[in-house]
């Protein structure tokens, strides 16, 4: 359930803090995922990882290559609401050597399969920066539709950008997999 031929997911552990900190400290990586573009200390990253591990409303997984177990990113469900059967997802391929090679698509498919087939969630949402066209195309291929946009929410590179809100529903995702 948590793997494809090229990747597998495993739960995030305290031992991942140092690696995650290198990704979190890379401005190229954070440009597409972090509204703040802040610089974090190792202690702050360790505290963040600990909060992920202890959360009752999130599940976070390291994406590793099947070939040699190289960690390449992280994928998460956050704000899980089992009563209303929805959650938000986040993906971050922190290892830039693996960008543009389909690993994000595979990891998202694994996460969506788990969300819809195991957790029986009804809806998965996400937020994506309007200038991140590559990610928007990925999400559309996975069946996500735009639900709205927070216009001029993010100031980056001397310009205002929006944050696009997207969602995919269990029924439409599973119908697309047949």
N, C-alpha and C. Protein backbone atom coordinates (compact mmCIF):
# COMPACT_ATOMS: atom_id res chain seq x y z
N UNK A 1 0.83 -1.21 0.00
CA UNK A 1 0.00 0.00 0.00
C UNK A 1 0.86 1.26 0.00
N UNK A 2 1.98 1.24 0.70
CA UNK A 2 2.79 2.43 0.83
C UNK A 2 4.00 2.42 -0.10
N UNK A 3 3.85 1.81 -1.28
CA UNK A 3 5.01 1.75 -2.17
C UNK A 3 4.59 1.63 -3.63
N UNK A 4 5.53 1.97 -4.48
CA UNK A 4 5.44 1.72 -5.91
C UNK A 4 6.73 0.99 -6.27
N UNK A 5 6.97 0.78 -7.53
CA UNK A 5 8.23 0.11 -7.90
C UNK A 5 9.45 1.00 -7.63
N UNK A 6 9.25 2.32 -7.58
CA UNK A 6 10.40 3.23 -7.40
C UNK A 6 10.52 3.87 -6.03
N UNK A 7 9.41 3.92 -5.28
CA UNK A 7 9.44 4.59 -3.98
C UNK A 7 8.68 3.80 -2.93
N UNK A 8 8.96 4.13 -1.69
CA UNK A 8 8.11 3.68 -0.59
C UNK A 8 8.06 4.80 0.45
N UNK A 9 6.99 4.78 1.22
CA UNK A 9 6.79 5.78 2.26
C UNK A 9 7.00 5.12 3.61
N UNK A 10 7.62 5.85 4.51
CA UNK A 10 7.75 5.40 5.89
C UNK A 10 7.46 6.58 6.80
N UNK A 11 7.00 6.29 8.00
CA UNK A 11 6.69 7.36 8.95
C UNK A 11 7.92 8.20 9.25
N UNK A 12 7.70 9.48 9.40
CA UNK A 12 8.75 10.40 9.82
C UNK A 12 9.13 10.07 11.26
N UNK A 13 10.44 10.10 11.54
CA UNK A 13 10.94 9.85 12.89
C UNK A 13 11.84 11.00 13.33
N UNK A 14 12.20 10.99 14.60
CA UNK A 14 13.11 12.01 15.13
C UNK A 14 14.44 12.01 14.39
N UNK A 15 14.85 10.85 13.89
CA UNK A 15 16.12 10.74 13.16
C UNK A 15 16.12 11.50 11.84
N UNK A 16 14.95 11.94 11.38
CA UNK A 16 14.85 12.65 10.11
C UNK A 16 15.10 14.15 10.26
N UNK A 17 15.25 14.63 11.46
CA UNK A 17 15.33 16.08 11.71
C UNK A 17 16.51 16.72 10.98
N UNK A 18 17.68 16.12 11.02
CA UNK A 18 18.85 16.73 10.38
C UNK A 18 18.68 16.83 8.87
N UNK A 19 18.21 15.75 8.27
CA UNK A 19 17.99 15.77 6.82
C UNK A 19 16.91 16.79 6.46
N UNK A 20 15.81 16.76 7.19
CA UNK A 20 14.73 17.71 6.92
C UNK A 20 15.23 19.14 7.08
N UNK A 21 16.12 19.35 8.04
CA UNK A 21 16.67 20.69 8.24
C UNK A 21 17.46 21.15 7.01
N UNK A 22 18.19 20.25 6.36
CA UNK A 22 18.93 20.65 5.15
C UNK A 22 17.96 21.06 4.06
N UNK A 23 16.85 20.35 3.92
CA UNK A 23 15.85 20.72 2.92
C UNK A 23 15.20 22.05 3.29
N UNK A 24 14.86 22.19 4.56
CA UNK A 24 14.19 23.39 5.06
C UNK A 24 15.09 24.62 4.98
N UNK A 25 16.40 24.40 4.91
CA UNK A 25 17.37 25.49 4.82
C UNK A 25 17.74 25.83 3.39
N UNK A 26 17.20 25.10 2.43
CA UNK A 26 17.51 25.31 1.01
C UNK A 26 16.45 26.25 0.42
N UNK A 27 16.84 27.47 0.08
CA UNK A 27 15.88 28.46 -0.42
C UNK A 27 15.23 28.01 -1.72
N UNK A 28 15.94 27.25 -2.54
CA UNK A 28 15.36 26.75 -3.80
C UNK A 28 14.20 25.79 -3.50
N UNK A 29 14.35 24.96 -2.50
CA UNK A 29 13.30 24.02 -2.10
C UNK A 29 12.13 24.79 -1.48
N UNK A 30 12.43 25.69 -0.57
CA UNK A 30 11.39 26.39 0.18
C UNK A 30 10.64 27.43 -0.64
N UNK A 31 11.23 27.88 -1.74
CA UNK A 31 10.58 28.89 -2.58
C UNK A 31 9.18 28.45 -3.00
N UNK A 32 8.99 27.16 -3.23
CA UNK A 32 7.71 26.66 -3.71
C UNK A 32 6.82 26.08 -2.62
N UNK A 33 7.31 26.06 -1.38
CA UNK A 33 6.50 25.43 -0.34
C UNK A 33 6.27 26.26 0.91
N UNK A 34 7.11 27.23 1.17
CA UNK A 34 7.01 27.97 2.43
C UNK A 34 6.66 29.44 2.19
N UNK A 35 5.53 29.89 2.71
CA UNK A 35 5.19 31.31 2.56
C UNK A 35 6.18 32.24 3.24
N UNK A 36 6.80 31.80 4.32
CA UNK A 36 7.66 32.68 5.09
C UNK A 36 9.07 32.81 4.53
N UNK A 37 9.59 31.78 3.90
CA UNK A 37 11.00 31.74 3.47
C UNK A 37 11.91 32.11 4.62
N UNK A 38 11.58 31.63 5.80
CA UNK A 38 12.34 31.95 7.00
C UNK A 38 13.53 31.01 7.11
N UNK A 39 14.48 31.38 7.94
CA UNK A 39 15.63 30.52 8.24
C UNK A 39 15.37 29.93 9.62
N UNK A 40 15.46 28.61 9.71
CA UNK A 40 15.16 27.92 10.95
C UNK A 40 16.43 27.37 11.57
N UNK A 41 16.45 27.34 12.90
CA UNK A 41 17.56 26.71 13.59
C UNK A 41 17.32 25.20 13.61
N UNK A 42 18.37 24.45 13.91
CA UNK A 42 18.23 23.00 14.02
C UNK A 42 17.23 22.67 15.12
N UNK A 43 17.28 23.39 16.23
CA UNK A 43 16.35 23.15 17.35
C UNK A 43 14.90 23.38 16.92
N UNK A 44 14.65 24.42 16.12
CA UNK A 44 13.30 24.68 15.63
C UNK A 44 12.83 23.55 14.71
N UNK A 45 13.73 23.06 13.88
CA UNK A 45 13.36 21.95 13.00
C UNK A 45 13.10 20.69 13.81
N UNK A 46 13.92 20.43 14.81
CA UNK A 46 13.70 19.27 15.68
C UNK A 46 12.34 19.37 16.38
N UNK A 47 11.99 20.56 16.84
CA UNK A 47 10.69 20.76 17.50
C UNK A 47 9.55 20.56 16.50
N UNK A 48 9.75 21.02 15.27
CA UNK A 48 8.74 20.83 14.24
C UNK A 48 8.53 19.34 13.95
N UNK A 49 9.62 18.61 13.79
CA UNK A 49 9.52 17.16 13.54
C UNK A 49 8.82 16.48 14.71
N UNK A 50 9.15 16.87 15.92
CA UNK A 50 8.51 16.28 17.10
C UNK A 50 7.01 16.58 17.09
N UNK A 51 6.62 17.78 16.67
CA UNK A 51 5.19 18.13 16.62
C UNK A 51 4.46 17.28 15.58
N UNK A 52 5.14 16.96 14.48
CA UNK A 52 4.55 16.09 13.46
C UNK A 52 4.31 14.70 14.04
N UNK A 53 5.34 14.19 14.71
CA UNK A 53 5.26 12.83 15.25
C UNK A 53 4.15 12.72 16.30
N UNK A 54 3.98 13.76 17.10
CA UNK A 54 3.01 13.72 18.21
C UNK A 54 1.60 14.16 17.82
N UNK A 55 1.40 14.59 16.60
CA UNK A 55 0.10 15.13 16.20
C UNK A 55 -0.97 14.04 16.07
N UNK A 56 -2.16 14.36 16.55
CA UNK A 56 -3.30 13.47 16.38
C UNK A 56 -4.05 13.74 15.08
N UNK A 57 -3.72 14.86 14.43
CA UNK A 57 -4.47 15.24 13.23
C UNK A 57 -3.59 15.31 11.98
N UNK A 58 -2.44 14.66 12.03
CA UNK A 58 -1.60 14.63 10.83
C UNK A 58 -0.85 13.31 10.75
N UNK A 59 -0.45 12.98 9.53
CA UNK A 59 0.36 11.79 9.25
C UNK A 59 1.41 12.23 8.23
N UNK A 60 2.67 12.03 8.57
CA UNK A 60 3.75 12.47 7.68
C UNK A 60 4.67 11.30 7.38
N UNK A 61 5.07 11.24 6.11
CA UNK A 61 5.87 10.12 5.63
C UNK A 61 7.07 10.61 4.83
N UNK A 62 8.20 9.99 5.07
CA UNK A 62 9.38 10.21 4.25
C UNK A 62 9.20 9.43 2.95
N UNK A 63 9.54 10.06 1.85
CA UNK A 63 9.54 9.40 0.55
C UNK A 63 10.96 8.89 0.33
N UNK A 64 11.10 7.59 0.13
CA UNK A 64 12.42 7.00 -0.09
C UNK A 64 12.43 6.23 -1.40
N UNK A 65 13.58 6.23 -2.06
CA UNK A 65 13.70 5.43 -3.28
C UNK A 65 13.72 3.96 -2.88
N UNK A 66 13.11 3.13 -3.70
CA UNK A 66 13.13 1.68 -3.44
C UNK A 66 14.50 1.09 -3.74
N UNK A 67 15.19 1.70 -4.68
CA UNK A 67 16.49 1.17 -5.11
C UNK A 67 17.52 1.15 -3.98
N UNK A 68 17.62 2.26 -3.23
CA UNK A 68 18.66 2.32 -2.20
C UNK A 68 18.22 3.04 -0.92
N UNK A 69 16.91 3.19 -0.73
CA UNK A 69 16.35 3.83 0.47
C UNK A 69 16.78 5.28 0.67
N UNK A 70 17.15 5.96 -0.40
CA UNK A 70 17.52 7.37 -0.29
C UNK A 70 16.27 8.21 0.02
N UNK A 71 16.26 8.96 1.11
CA UNK A 71 15.14 9.85 1.38
C UNK A 71 15.19 11.03 0.40
N UNK A 72 14.07 11.28 -0.27
CA UNK A 72 14.05 12.36 -1.27
C UNK A 72 13.02 13.43 -0.97
N UNK A 73 12.13 13.19 -0.03
CA UNK A 73 11.10 14.18 0.26
C UNK A 73 10.19 13.72 1.37
N UNK A 74 9.15 14.51 1.55
CA UNK A 74 8.17 14.24 2.60
C UNK A 74 6.78 14.51 2.04
N UNK A 75 5.83 13.69 2.45
CA UNK A 75 4.44 13.87 2.05
C UNK A 75 3.59 13.71 3.31
N UNK A 76 2.58 14.57 3.43
CA UNK A 76 1.81 14.58 4.68
C UNK A 76 0.33 14.80 4.43
N UNK A 77 -0.45 14.28 5.35
CA UNK A 77 -1.85 14.66 5.51
C UNK A 77 -1.89 15.48 6.79
N UNK A 78 -2.46 16.67 6.72
CA UNK A 78 -2.58 17.51 7.91
C UNK A 78 -4.03 17.91 8.09
N UNK A 79 -4.34 18.39 9.26
CA UNK A 79 -5.72 18.81 9.58
C UNK A 79 -6.72 17.71 9.23
N UNK A 80 -6.37 16.48 9.58
CA UNK A 80 -7.26 15.35 9.29
C UNK A 80 -8.51 15.49 10.15
N UNK A 81 -9.65 15.48 9.49
CA UNK A 81 -10.95 15.59 10.15
C UNK A 81 -11.73 14.33 9.81
N UNK A 82 -11.67 13.32 10.68
CA UNK A 82 -12.32 12.04 10.39
C UNK A 82 -13.84 12.14 10.43
N UNK A 83 -14.36 13.05 11.24
CA UNK A 83 -15.82 13.21 11.30
C UNK A 83 -16.37 13.69 9.96
N UNK A 84 -15.71 14.70 9.39
CA UNK A 84 -16.17 15.26 8.12
C UNK A 84 -15.42 14.67 6.93
N UNK A 85 -14.52 13.72 7.20
CA UNK A 85 -13.82 12.93 6.19
C UNK A 85 -13.02 13.78 5.19
N UNK A 86 -12.22 14.70 5.72
CA UNK A 86 -11.36 15.49 4.84
C UNK A 86 -10.02 15.76 5.51
N UNK A 87 -9.08 16.16 4.68
CA UNK A 87 -7.73 16.50 5.15
C UNK A 87 -7.06 17.36 4.09
N UNK A 88 -5.95 17.97 4.48
CA UNK A 88 -5.12 18.72 3.54
C UNK A 88 -3.85 17.93 3.32
N UNK A 89 -3.31 17.96 2.11
CA UNK A 89 -2.06 17.26 1.85
C UNK A 89 -0.96 18.25 1.49
N UNK A 90 0.26 17.81 1.77
CA UNK A 90 1.45 18.60 1.49
C UNK A 90 2.49 17.64 0.93
N UNK A 91 3.21 18.08 -0.08
CA UNK A 91 4.34 17.30 -0.57
C UNK A 91 5.52 18.24 -0.78
N UNK A 92 6.68 17.72 -0.49
CA UNK A 92 7.90 18.49 -0.66
C UNK A 92 9.01 17.52 -1.06
N UNK A 93 9.45 17.60 -2.30
CA UNK A 93 10.61 16.82 -2.72
C UNK A 93 11.82 17.69 -2.36
N UNK A 94 12.46 17.36 -1.27
CA UNK A 94 13.55 18.16 -0.74
C UNK A 94 14.87 17.94 -1.46
N UNK A 95 15.05 16.77 -2.04
CA UNK A 95 16.28 16.46 -2.76
C UNK A 95 16.10 16.90 -4.22
N UNK A 96 16.70 18.01 -4.59
CA UNK A 96 16.48 18.62 -5.91
C UNK A 96 16.92 17.71 -7.05
N UNK A 97 17.79 16.74 -6.78
CA UNK A 97 18.21 15.81 -7.83
C UNK A 97 17.06 14.94 -8.32
N UNK A 98 15.98 14.90 -7.56
CA UNK A 98 14.83 14.05 -7.91
C UNK A 98 13.64 14.86 -8.45
N UNK A 99 13.84 16.14 -8.67
CA UNK A 99 12.77 16.98 -9.24
C UNK A 99 12.54 16.62 -10.69
N UNK A 100 11.27 16.71 -11.10
CA UNK A 100 10.90 16.54 -12.50
C UNK A 100 11.05 15.13 -13.03
N UNK A 101 11.09 14.14 -12.15
CA UNK A 101 11.29 12.75 -12.58
C UNK A 101 10.11 11.85 -12.22
N UNK A 102 9.00 12.44 -11.80
CA UNK A 102 7.80 11.67 -11.52
C UNK A 102 7.67 11.13 -10.11
N UNK A 103 8.64 11.40 -9.26
CA UNK A 103 8.57 10.88 -7.89
C UNK A 103 7.44 11.54 -7.09
N UNK A 104 7.22 12.82 -7.33
CA UNK A 104 6.13 13.50 -6.64
C UNK A 104 4.77 12.93 -7.02
N UNK A 105 4.60 12.62 -8.30
CA UNK A 105 3.34 12.01 -8.76
C UNK A 105 3.12 10.67 -8.07
N UNK A 106 4.16 9.85 -8.02
CA UNK A 106 4.03 8.54 -7.38
C UNK A 106 3.71 8.67 -5.90
N UNK A 107 4.40 9.56 -5.21
CA UNK A 107 4.16 9.74 -3.78
C UNK A 107 2.74 10.25 -3.52
N UNK A 108 2.29 11.18 -4.34
CA UNK A 108 0.93 11.70 -4.17
C UNK A 108 -0.10 10.61 -4.44
N UNK A 109 0.12 9.78 -5.45
CA UNK A 109 -0.81 8.68 -5.71
C UNK A 109 -0.87 7.72 -4.54
N UNK A 110 0.27 7.40 -3.96
CA UNK A 110 0.28 6.51 -2.78
C UNK A 110 -0.50 7.16 -1.64
N UNK A 111 -0.26 8.45 -1.40
CA UNK A 111 -0.96 9.14 -0.33
C UNK A 111 -2.47 9.21 -0.59
N UNK A 112 -2.85 9.49 -1.82
CA UNK A 112 -4.28 9.57 -2.15
C UNK A 112 -4.96 8.21 -2.05
N UNK A 113 -4.28 7.16 -2.49
CA UNK A 113 -4.83 5.80 -2.34
C UNK A 113 -5.09 5.50 -0.87
N UNK A 114 -4.11 5.80 -0.03
CA UNK A 114 -4.26 5.59 1.41
C UNK A 114 -5.41 6.43 1.97
N UNK A 115 -5.46 7.69 1.56
CA UNK A 115 -6.49 8.61 2.06
C UNK A 115 -7.89 8.13 1.72
N UNK A 116 -8.07 7.72 0.47
CA UNK A 116 -9.42 7.38 0.01
C UNK A 116 -9.79 5.91 0.25
N UNK A 117 -8.84 5.01 0.17
CA UNK A 117 -9.16 3.58 0.29
C UNK A 117 -9.00 3.04 1.70
N UNK A 118 -8.09 3.59 2.49
CA UNK A 118 -7.88 3.10 3.85
C UNK A 118 -8.55 3.99 4.89
N UNK A 119 -8.34 5.29 4.78
CA UNK A 119 -8.95 6.22 5.74
C UNK A 119 -10.39 6.56 5.36
N UNK A 120 -10.77 6.24 4.13
CA UNK A 120 -12.11 6.51 3.62
C UNK A 120 -12.46 8.00 3.70
N UNK A 121 -11.47 8.85 3.40
CA UNK A 121 -11.74 10.27 3.37
C UNK A 121 -12.55 10.62 2.12
N UNK A 122 -13.30 11.68 2.21
CA UNK A 122 -14.16 12.13 1.12
C UNK A 122 -13.45 13.17 0.24
N UNK A 123 -12.61 14.00 0.86
CA UNK A 123 -12.02 15.13 0.15
C UNK A 123 -10.62 15.40 0.68
N UNK A 124 -9.70 15.66 -0.26
CA UNK A 124 -8.34 16.07 0.06
C UNK A 124 -8.12 17.44 -0.58
N UNK A 125 -7.63 18.38 0.21
CA UNK A 125 -7.36 19.72 -0.30
C UNK A 125 -5.85 19.98 -0.28
N UNK A 126 -5.45 21.04 -0.94
CA UNK A 126 -4.07 21.49 -0.89
C UNK A 126 -4.02 22.95 -1.27
N UNK A 127 -2.87 23.56 -0.96
CA UNK A 127 -2.61 24.94 -1.35
C UNK A 127 -1.33 24.94 -2.18
N UNK A 128 -1.32 25.73 -3.25
CA UNK A 128 -0.16 25.80 -4.12
C UNK A 128 0.03 27.25 -4.56
N UNK A 129 1.28 27.68 -4.62
CA UNK A 129 1.57 29.04 -5.05
C UNK A 129 1.27 29.18 -6.53
N UNK A 130 0.66 30.29 -6.91
CA UNK A 130 0.18 30.47 -8.29
C UNK A 130 1.30 30.42 -9.32
N UNK A 131 2.52 30.73 -8.94
CA UNK A 131 3.62 30.69 -9.91
C UNK A 131 4.23 29.29 -10.05
N UNK A 132 3.79 28.35 -9.25
CA UNK A 132 4.35 26.99 -9.29
C UNK A 132 3.58 26.15 -10.31
N UNK A 133 3.79 26.47 -11.58
CA UNK A 133 3.03 25.84 -12.66
C UNK A 133 3.27 24.33 -12.75
N UNK A 134 4.48 23.90 -12.47
CA UNK A 134 4.78 22.47 -12.54
C UNK A 134 3.93 21.70 -11.51
N UNK A 135 3.82 22.23 -10.31
CA UNK A 135 3.02 21.57 -9.28
C UNK A 135 1.53 21.61 -9.63
N UNK A 136 1.06 22.73 -10.15
CA UNK A 136 -0.35 22.85 -10.52
C UNK A 136 -0.71 21.80 -11.57
N UNK A 137 0.16 21.62 -12.55
CA UNK A 137 -0.09 20.60 -13.60
C UNK A 137 -0.11 19.19 -12.99
N UNK A 138 0.80 18.92 -12.06
CA UNK A 138 0.81 17.63 -11.38
C UNK A 138 -0.52 17.40 -10.68
N UNK A 139 -0.97 18.38 -9.90
CA UNK A 139 -2.21 18.22 -9.16
C UNK A 139 -3.41 18.03 -10.08
N UNK A 140 -3.43 18.76 -11.18
CA UNK A 140 -4.53 18.59 -12.14
C UNK A 140 -4.52 17.18 -12.74
N UNK A 141 -3.32 16.65 -13.04
CA UNK A 141 -3.23 15.28 -13.56
C UNK A 141 -3.75 14.26 -12.55
N UNK A 142 -3.60 14.57 -11.28
CA UNK A 142 -4.08 13.68 -10.22
C UNK A 142 -5.57 13.83 -9.95
N UNK A 143 -6.21 14.79 -10.61
CA UNK A 143 -7.65 14.98 -10.46
C UNK A 143 -8.07 16.14 -9.59
N UNK A 144 -7.11 16.92 -9.10
CA UNK A 144 -7.45 18.09 -8.29
C UNK A 144 -8.04 19.19 -9.18
N UNK A 145 -9.05 19.87 -8.67
CA UNK A 145 -9.65 21.02 -9.33
C UNK A 145 -9.45 22.26 -8.47
N UNK A 146 -9.36 23.39 -9.13
CA UNK A 146 -9.22 24.65 -8.41
C UNK A 146 -10.54 24.99 -7.74
N UNK A 147 -10.48 25.31 -6.45
CA UNK A 147 -11.66 25.71 -5.70
C UNK A 147 -11.68 27.20 -5.43
N UNK A 148 -10.53 27.83 -5.50
CA UNK A 148 -10.47 29.26 -5.23
C UNK A 148 -9.03 29.74 -5.21
N UNK A 149 -8.88 31.03 -4.94
CA UNK A 149 -7.54 31.59 -4.87
C UNK A 149 -7.53 32.73 -3.87
N UNK A 150 -6.50 32.74 -3.05
CA UNK A 150 -6.23 33.88 -2.19
C UNK A 150 -5.31 34.78 -3.01
N UNK A 151 -5.87 35.83 -3.56
CA UNK A 151 -5.11 36.69 -4.47
C UNK A 151 -4.12 37.57 -3.72
N UNK A 152 -2.98 37.79 -4.36
CA UNK A 152 -1.93 38.65 -3.82
C UNK A 152 -1.64 38.32 -2.35
N UNK A 153 -1.51 37.07 -2.06
CA UNK A 153 -1.29 36.58 -0.69
C UNK A 153 0.19 36.45 -0.35
N UNK A 154 1.02 36.41 -1.39
CA UNK A 154 2.43 36.08 -1.22
C UNK A 154 3.28 37.05 -2.01
N UNK A 155 4.26 37.66 -1.36
CA UNK A 155 5.17 38.57 -2.05
C UNK A 155 6.49 37.86 -2.25
N UNK A 156 6.82 37.61 -3.51
CA UNK A 156 8.02 36.85 -3.83
C UNK A 156 8.67 37.45 -5.06
N UNK A 157 9.97 37.65 -5.01
CA UNK A 157 10.74 38.16 -6.15
C UNK A 157 10.18 39.49 -6.67
N UNK A 158 9.76 40.35 -5.75
CA UNK A 158 9.30 41.68 -6.11
C UNK A 158 7.91 41.76 -6.68
N UNK A 159 7.14 40.66 -6.62
CA UNK A 159 5.78 40.65 -7.17
C UNK A 159 4.83 39.96 -6.20
N UNK A 160 3.55 40.30 -6.35
CA UNK A 160 2.50 39.63 -5.59
C UNK A 160 2.03 38.40 -6.34
N UNK A 161 1.77 37.32 -5.58
CA UNK A 161 1.29 36.06 -6.15
C UNK A 161 0.15 35.54 -5.30
N UNK A 162 -0.67 34.72 -5.91
CA UNK A 162 -1.78 34.11 -5.20
C UNK A 162 -1.44 32.75 -4.65
N UNK A 163 -2.29 32.28 -3.76
CA UNK A 163 -2.24 30.90 -3.29
C UNK A 163 -3.52 30.24 -3.76
N UNK A 164 -3.35 29.24 -4.61
CA UNK A 164 -4.49 28.54 -5.22
C UNK A 164 -4.92 27.40 -4.29
N UNK A 165 -6.22 27.29 -4.07
CA UNK A 165 -6.79 26.23 -3.27
C UNK A 165 -7.36 25.19 -4.22
N UNK A 166 -6.95 23.93 -4.05
CA UNK A 166 -7.38 22.85 -4.94
C UNK A 166 -7.91 21.69 -4.10
N UNK A 167 -8.74 20.85 -4.71
CA UNK A 167 -9.29 19.69 -4.00
C UNK A 167 -9.57 18.56 -4.98
N UNK A 168 -9.54 17.35 -4.44
CA UNK A 168 -9.96 16.17 -5.18
C UNK A 168 -10.87 15.37 -4.25
N UNK A 169 -11.90 14.78 -4.85
CA UNK A 169 -12.88 14.01 -4.08
C UNK A 169 -12.67 12.52 -4.30
N UNK A 170 -12.99 11.77 -3.28
CA UNK A 170 -12.82 10.32 -3.31
C UNK A 170 -13.45 9.69 -4.55
N UNK A 171 -14.68 10.01 -4.82
CA UNK A 171 -15.41 9.39 -5.92
C UNK A 171 -14.73 9.67 -7.27
N UNK A 172 -14.36 10.91 -7.51
CA UNK A 172 -13.75 11.25 -8.80
C UNK A 172 -12.34 10.68 -8.91
N UNK A 173 -11.58 10.66 -7.81
CA UNK A 173 -10.23 10.09 -7.86
C UNK A 173 -10.30 8.60 -8.17
N UNK A 174 -11.15 7.90 -7.45
CA UNK A 174 -11.26 6.45 -7.66
C UNK A 174 -11.82 6.11 -9.05
N UNK A 175 -12.73 6.94 -9.55
CA UNK A 175 -13.26 6.71 -10.90
C UNK A 175 -12.17 6.89 -11.94
N UNK A 176 -11.26 7.81 -11.73
CA UNK A 176 -10.17 8.05 -12.65
C UNK A 176 -9.13 6.95 -12.63
N UNK A 177 -9.09 6.16 -11.57
CA UNK A 177 -8.11 5.08 -11.45
C UNK A 177 -8.57 3.81 -12.16
N UNK A 178 -9.83 3.75 -12.55
CA UNK A 178 -10.36 2.53 -13.19
C UNK A 178 -9.99 2.47 -14.64
